[in-house]
C-alpha atoms as a PDB file:
ATOM      1  CA  MET A   1     -10.917  22.779   9.294  1.00  0.00           C
ATOM      2  CA  SER A   2      -7.775  21.943   7.358  1.00  0.00           C
ATOM      3  CA  TRP A   3      -5.935  18.702   6.772  1.00  0.00           C
ATOM      4  CA  PHE A   4      -2.205  18.601   7.459  1.00  0.00           C
ATOM      5  CA  VAL A   5       0.450  15.973   6.746  1.00  0.00           C
ATOM      6  CA  ALA A   6       2.857  14.429   9.244  1.00  0.00           C
ATOM      7  CA  HIS A   7       5.842  12.144   8.723  1.00  0.00           C
ATOM      8  CA  THR A   8       5.682   9.155  11.087  1.00  0.00           C
ATOM      9  CA  LYS A   9       8.316   6.943  12.598  1.00  0.00           C
ATOM     10  CA  PRO A  10       8.863   3.670  10.688  1.00  0.00           C
ATOM     11  CA  ARG A  11       5.803   1.365  10.749  1.00  0.00           C
ATOM     12  CA  CYS A  12       3.949   3.649  13.207  1.00  0.00           C
ATOM     13  CA  GLU A  13       1.258   5.075  10.923  1.00  0.00           C
ATOM     14  CA  PHE A  14      -1.671   3.297  12.593  1.00  0.00           C
ATOM     15  CA  LYS A  15      -0.297   3.903  16.112  1.00  0.00           C
ATOM     16  CA  ALA A  16      -0.010   7.632  15.382  1.00  0.00           C
ATOM     17  CA  LYS A  17      -3.570   7.657  14.024  1.00  0.00           C
ATOM     18  CA  ASP A  18      -4.892   5.878  17.131  1.00  0.00           C
ATOM     19  CA  TYR A  19      -3.033   8.334  19.379  1.00  0.00           C
ATOM     20  CA  PHE A  20      -4.554  11.332  17.598  1.00  0.00           C
ATOM     21  CA  GLU A  21      -8.035   9.854  17.826  1.00  0.00           C
ATOM     22  CA  GLU A  22      -7.586   9.265  21.577  1.00  0.00           C
ATOM     23  CA  ILE A  23      -6.921  12.981  22.130  1.00  0.00           C
ATOM     24  CA  GLY A  24      -9.782  14.055  19.840  1.00  0.00           C
ATOM     25  CA  ILE A  25      -7.963  14.898  16.603  1.00  0.00           C
ATOM     26  CA  GLU A  26      -9.367  13.345  13.442  1.00  0.00           C
ATOM     27  CA  ALA A  27      -6.666  11.461  11.556  1.00  0.00           C
ATOM     28  CA  TYR A  28      -6.507   9.401   8.373  1.00  0.00           C
ATOM     29  CA  VAL A  29      -4.012   6.814   7.149  1.00  0.00           C
ATOM     30  CA  PRO A  30      -4.656   5.748   3.537  1.00  0.00           C
ATOM     31  CA  SER A  31      -4.551   1.961   3.669  1.00  0.00           C
ATOM     32  CA  ILE A  32      -5.096  -1.110   1.531  1.00  0.00           C
ATOM     33  CA  GLU A  33      -5.452  -4.814   2.234  1.00  0.00           C
ATOM     34  CA  GLU A  34      -2.652  -7.063   1.043  1.00  0.00           C
ATOM     35  CA  LYS A  35      -2.276 -10.800   1.079  1.00  0.00           C
ATOM     36  CA  LYS A  36       0.880 -11.820   2.917  1.00  0.00           C
ATOM     37  CA  GLU A  37       2.118 -15.347   2.352  1.00  0.00           C
ATOM     38  CA  TRP A  38       4.229 -17.376   4.743  1.00  0.00           C
ATOM     39  CA  SER A  39       5.259 -20.995   4.401  1.00  0.00           C
ATOM     40  CA  ASP A  40       2.352 -22.179   6.552  1.00  0.00           C
ATOM     41  CA  ARG A  41      -0.449 -19.662   5.882  1.00  0.00           C
ATOM     42  CA  ILE A  42      -1.809 -16.777   3.855  1.00  0.00           C
ATOM     43  CA  LYS A  43      -3.204 -13.790   5.718  1.00  0.00           C
ATOM     44  CA  LYS A  44      -4.849 -10.529   4.675  1.00  0.00           C
ATOM     45  CA  THR A  45      -3.241  -7.547   6.361  1.00  0.00           C
ATOM     46  CA  ARG A  46      -3.942  -3.828   6.280  1.00  0.00           C
ATOM     47  CA  VAL A  47      -0.933  -1.777   5.194  1.00  0.00           C
ATOM     48  CA  PRO A  48      -0.494   1.959   4.576  1.00  0.00           C
ATOM     49  CA  ALA A  49      -0.906   2.953   0.931  1.00  0.00           C
ATOM     50  CA  ILE A  50       1.562   5.805   1.538  1.00  0.00           C
ATOM     51  CA  SER A  51       4.037   4.471   4.048  1.00  0.00           C
ATOM     52  CA  GLY A  52       5.474   6.905   6.558  1.00  0.00           C
ATOM     53  CA  TYR A  53       2.714   9.514   6.333  1.00  0.00           C
ATOM     54  CA  LEU A  54      -0.447  10.442   8.212  1.00  0.00           C
ATOM     55  CA  PHE A  55      -3.092  13.082   7.540  1.00  0.00           C
ATOM     56  CA  PHE A  56      -4.761  14.914  10.427  1.00  0.00           C
ATOM     57  CA  GLU A  57      -7.417  17.596  10.651  1.00  0.00           C
ATOM     58  CA  LEU A  58      -7.228  20.751  12.777  1.00  0.00           C
ATOM     59  CA  GLN A  59      -8.741  24.230  12.681  1.00  0.00           C
ATOM     60  CA  GLN A  60      -5.192  25.581  12.433  1.00  0.00           C
ATOM     61  CA  ILE A  61      -1.840  23.946  13.044  1.00  0.00           C
ATOM     62  CA  ASN A  62      -1.021  23.653  16.742  1.00  0.00           C
ATOM     63  CA  TYR A  63       2.471  22.248  17.167  1.00  0.00           C
ATOM     64  CA  ASP A  64       2.038  21.829  20.932  1.00  0.00           C
ATOM     65  CA  SER A  65      -0.696  19.186  20.496  1.00  0.00           C
ATOM     66  CA  VAL A  66       0.894  17.613  17.408  1.00  0.00           C
ATOM     67  CA  ASN A  67       4.308  17.219  19.043  1.00  0.00           C
ATOM     68  CA  LEU A  68       2.761  15.239  21.912  1.00  0.00           C
ATOM     69  CA  ASN A  69       2.278  12.299  19.548  1.00  0.00           C
ATOM     70  CA  PRO A  70       5.243   9.983  20.248  1.00  0.00           C
ATOM     71  CA  PHE A  71       4.856   8.194  16.893  1.00  0.00           C
ATOM     72  CA  LEU A  72       5.511  11.257  14.695  1.00  0.00           C
ATOM     73  CA  LYS A  73       8.819  12.576  13.411  1.00  0.00           C
ATOM     74  CA  ASN A  74       7.617  15.959  12.157  1.00  0.00           C
ATOM     75  CA  VAL A  75       4.934  17.894  10.311  1.00  0.00           C
ATOM     76  CA  VAL A  76       5.573  18.153   6.577  1.00  0.00           C
ATOM     77  CA  ARG A  77       6.427  21.749   5.642  1.00  0.00           C
ATOM     78  CA  ARG A  78       7.042  23.653   2.459  1.00  0.00           C
ATOM     79  CA  PHE A  79       8.850  26.993   2.578  1.00  0.00           C
ATOM     80  CA  GLY A  80       8.594  26.873   6.382  1.00  0.00           C
ATOM     81  CA  LYS A  81       4.799  26.560   6.407  1.00  0.00           C
ATOM     82  CA  ALA A  82       2.876  23.370   7.215  1.00  0.00           C
ATOM     83  CA  VAL A  83       1.494  21.714   4.081  1.00  0.00           C
ATOM     84  CA  GLU A  84      -2.308  21.875   3.902  1.00  0.00           C
ATOM     85  CA  VAL A  85      -4.342  19.331   1.960  1.00  0.00           C
ATOM     86  CA  ARG A  86      -7.806  20.187   0.661  1.00  0.00           C
ATOM     87  CA  ASN A  87     -10.746  18.197   1.979  1.00  0.00           C
ATOM     88  CA  SER A  88     -11.682  17.276  -1.613  1.00  0.00           C
ATOM     89  CA  GLU A  89      -8.254  15.646  -2.088  1.00  0.00           C
ATOM     90  CA  ILE A  90      -8.655  13.561   1.083  1.00  0.00           C
ATOM     91  CA  ASN A  91     -12.121  12.468  -0.069  1.00  0.00           C
ATOM     92  CA  ALA A  92     -10.782  11.590  -3.529  1.00  0.00           C
ATOM     93  CA  MET A  93      -8.051   9.474  -1.917  1.00  0.00           C
ATOM     94  CA  LYS A  94     -10.615   7.684   0.263  1.00  0.00           C
ATOM     95  CA  ASP A  95     -12.843   6.981  -2.762  1.00  0.00           C
ATOM     96  CA  CYS A  96      -9.919   5.728  -4.837  1.00  0.00           C
ATOM     97  CA  LEU A  97      -8.686   3.354  -2.133  1.00  0.00           C
ATOM     98  CA  LYS A  98     -12.207   2.103  -1.411  1.00  0.00           C
ATOM     99  CA  ASN A  99     -12.287   0.546  -4.904  1.00  0.00           C
ATOM    100  CA  TYR A 100      -8.693  -0.730  -4.801  1.00  0.00           C
ATOM    101  CA  SER A 101      -8.126  -4.382  -5.609  1.00  0.00           C
ATOM    102  CA  ASP A 102      -4.856  -6.247  -5.924  1.00  0.00           C
ATOM    103  CA  SER A 103      -6.474  -9.104  -7.809  1.00  0.00           C
ATOM    104  CA  PHE A 104      -4.298 -10.811 -10.362  1.00  0.00           C
ATOM    105  CA  SER A 105      -5.478 -10.898 -13.943  1.00  0.00           C
ATOM    106  CA  CYS A 106      -3.536 -11.618 -17.072  1.00  0.00           C
ATOM    107  CA  HIS A 107      -4.175 -12.717 -20.626  1.00  0.00           C
ATOM    108  CA  ASN A 108      -2.348 -14.734 -23.242  1.00  0.00           C
ATOM    109  CA  GLY A 109       0.711 -12.820 -24.396  1.00  0.00           C
ATOM    110  CA  ASP A 110       1.162 -10.834 -21.167  1.00  0.00           C
ATOM    111  CA  GLN A 111       4.579 -10.743 -19.545  1.00  0.00           C
ATOM    112  CA  VAL A 112       4.702 -11.852 -15.915  1.00  0.00           C
ATOM    113  CA  LYS A 113       7.522 -11.811 -13.400  1.00  0.00           C
ATOM    114  CA  ILE A 114       7.956 -14.811 -11.117  1.00  0.00           C
ATOM    115  CA  LEU A 115       8.301 -13.592  -7.531  1.00  0.00           C
ATOM    116  CA  SER A 116       9.535 -16.761  -5.797  1.00  0.00           C
ATOM    117  CA  GLY A 117      10.865 -20.244  -6.355  1.00  0.00           C
ATOM    118  CA  VAL A 118      13.590 -21.598  -8.628  1.00  0.00           C
ATOM    119  CA  PHE A 119      12.694 -19.157 -11.411  1.00  0.00           C
ATOM    120  CA  LYS A 120      12.525 -16.099  -9.117  1.00  0.00           C
ATOM    121  CA  ASN A 121      12.835 -12.759 -10.971  1.00  0.00           C
ATOM    122  CA  LYS A 122      12.550 -14.473 -14.378  1.00  0.00           C
ATOM    123  CA  ILE A 123      10.116 -12.952 -16.821  1.00  0.00           C
ATOM    124  CA  GLY A 124       7.854 -15.255 -18.748  1.00  0.00           C
ATOM    125  CA  LEU A 125       5.294 -14.880 -21.485  1.00  0.00           C
ATOM    126  CA  VAL A 126       1.822 -16.271 -20.733  1.00  0.00           C
ATOM    127  CA  ASP A 127       1.149 -18.976 -23.306  1.00  0.00           C
ATOM    128  CA  GLN A 128      -1.963 -20.603 -21.886  1.00  0.00           C
ATOM    129  CA  ILE A 129      -4.236 -20.094 -18.881  1.00  0.00           C
ATOM    130  CA  GLU A 130      -5.843 -23.120 -17.274  1.00  0.00           C
ATOM    131  CA  ASN A 131      -7.802 -23.223 -13.993  1.00  0.00           C
ATOM    132  CA  SER A 132      -5.143 -22.788 -11.312  1.00  0.00           C
ATOM    133  CA  TYR A 133      -1.955 -22.632 -13.360  1.00  0.00           C
ATOM    134  CA  LEU A 134      -0.353 -20.792 -16.218  1.00  0.00           C
ATOM    135  CA  THR A 135       1.789 -22.116 -19.015  1.00  0.00           C
ATOM    136  CA  LEU A 136       4.697 -19.716 -19.359  1.00  0.00           C
ATOM    137  CA  LEU A 137       7.381 -19.399 -21.984  1.00  0.00           C
ATOM    138  CA  VAL A 138      10.548 -18.754 -19.953  1.00  0.00           C
ATOM    139  CA  ASN A 139      13.922 -18.234 -21.653  1.00  0.00           C
ATOM    140  CA  SER A 140      12.670 -19.883 -24.845  1.00  0.00           C
ATOM    141  CA  LEU A 141      11.855 -23.103 -22.925  1.00  0.00           C
ATOM    142  CA  LYS A 142       8.223 -24.057 -22.719  1.00  0.00           C
ATOM    143  CA  ILE A 143       7.732 -24.855 -19.042  1.00  0.00           C
ATOM    144  CA  LYS A 144       4.412 -25.578 -17.415  1.00  0.00           C
ATOM    145  CA  LEU A 145       4.460 -23.838 -14.072  1.00  0.00           C
ATOM    146  CA  SER A 146       1.828 -24.240 -11.392  1.00  0.00           C
ATOM    147  CA  TYR A 147       2.065 -20.939  -9.585  1.00  0.00           C
ATOM    148  CA  ASN A 148      -0.272 -19.303  -7.119  1.00  0.00           C
ATOM    149  CA  THR A 149      -1.148 -15.838  -8.423  1.00  0.00           C
ATOM    150  CA  THR A 150       0.472 -14.273  -5.345  1.00  0.00           C
ATOM    151  CA  LYS A 151       3.812 -15.477  -6.703  1.00  0.00           C
ATOM    152  CA  LEU A 152       3.430 -13.734 -10.072  1.00  0.00           C
ATOM    153  CA  LYS A 153       3.293 -10.103 -11.085  1.00  0.00           C
ATOM    154  CA  VAL A 154       2.206  -8.700 -14.444  1.00  0.00           C
ATOM    155  CA  VAL A 155       5.058  -6.678 -15.941  1.00  0.00           C
END
């Protein structure tokens, strides 16, 4: 059995995977959990780690069965031949993503980028870390900001 790669329609990775599994083809979408924040709630969602792509396993490429999937654009090819991915590479990807964490950690002296609010896109230097807020040095002004870690990114 060989793994092949397909390019999906926008935001259809999981639908394409489900379709393949319904017709008996093993498929894999590398995914991670992200925290999405709205004004009224925070929710964990599963998103593709490689957006727009899906991996599927077949004995040999059969375009008739692959083209039935309405959520695919095309099979990825190189020099006219469908790209094959080794099983060890798929397993390595699964292992890597199993241990993935988007937890926020920073230390004194780290540079962080503010992702929202009045100081959006400003870069600050972490001066002090206390419980739920950071003291940042932004544009040479010492400003004490109380930011949720989802609104900051280590640069």
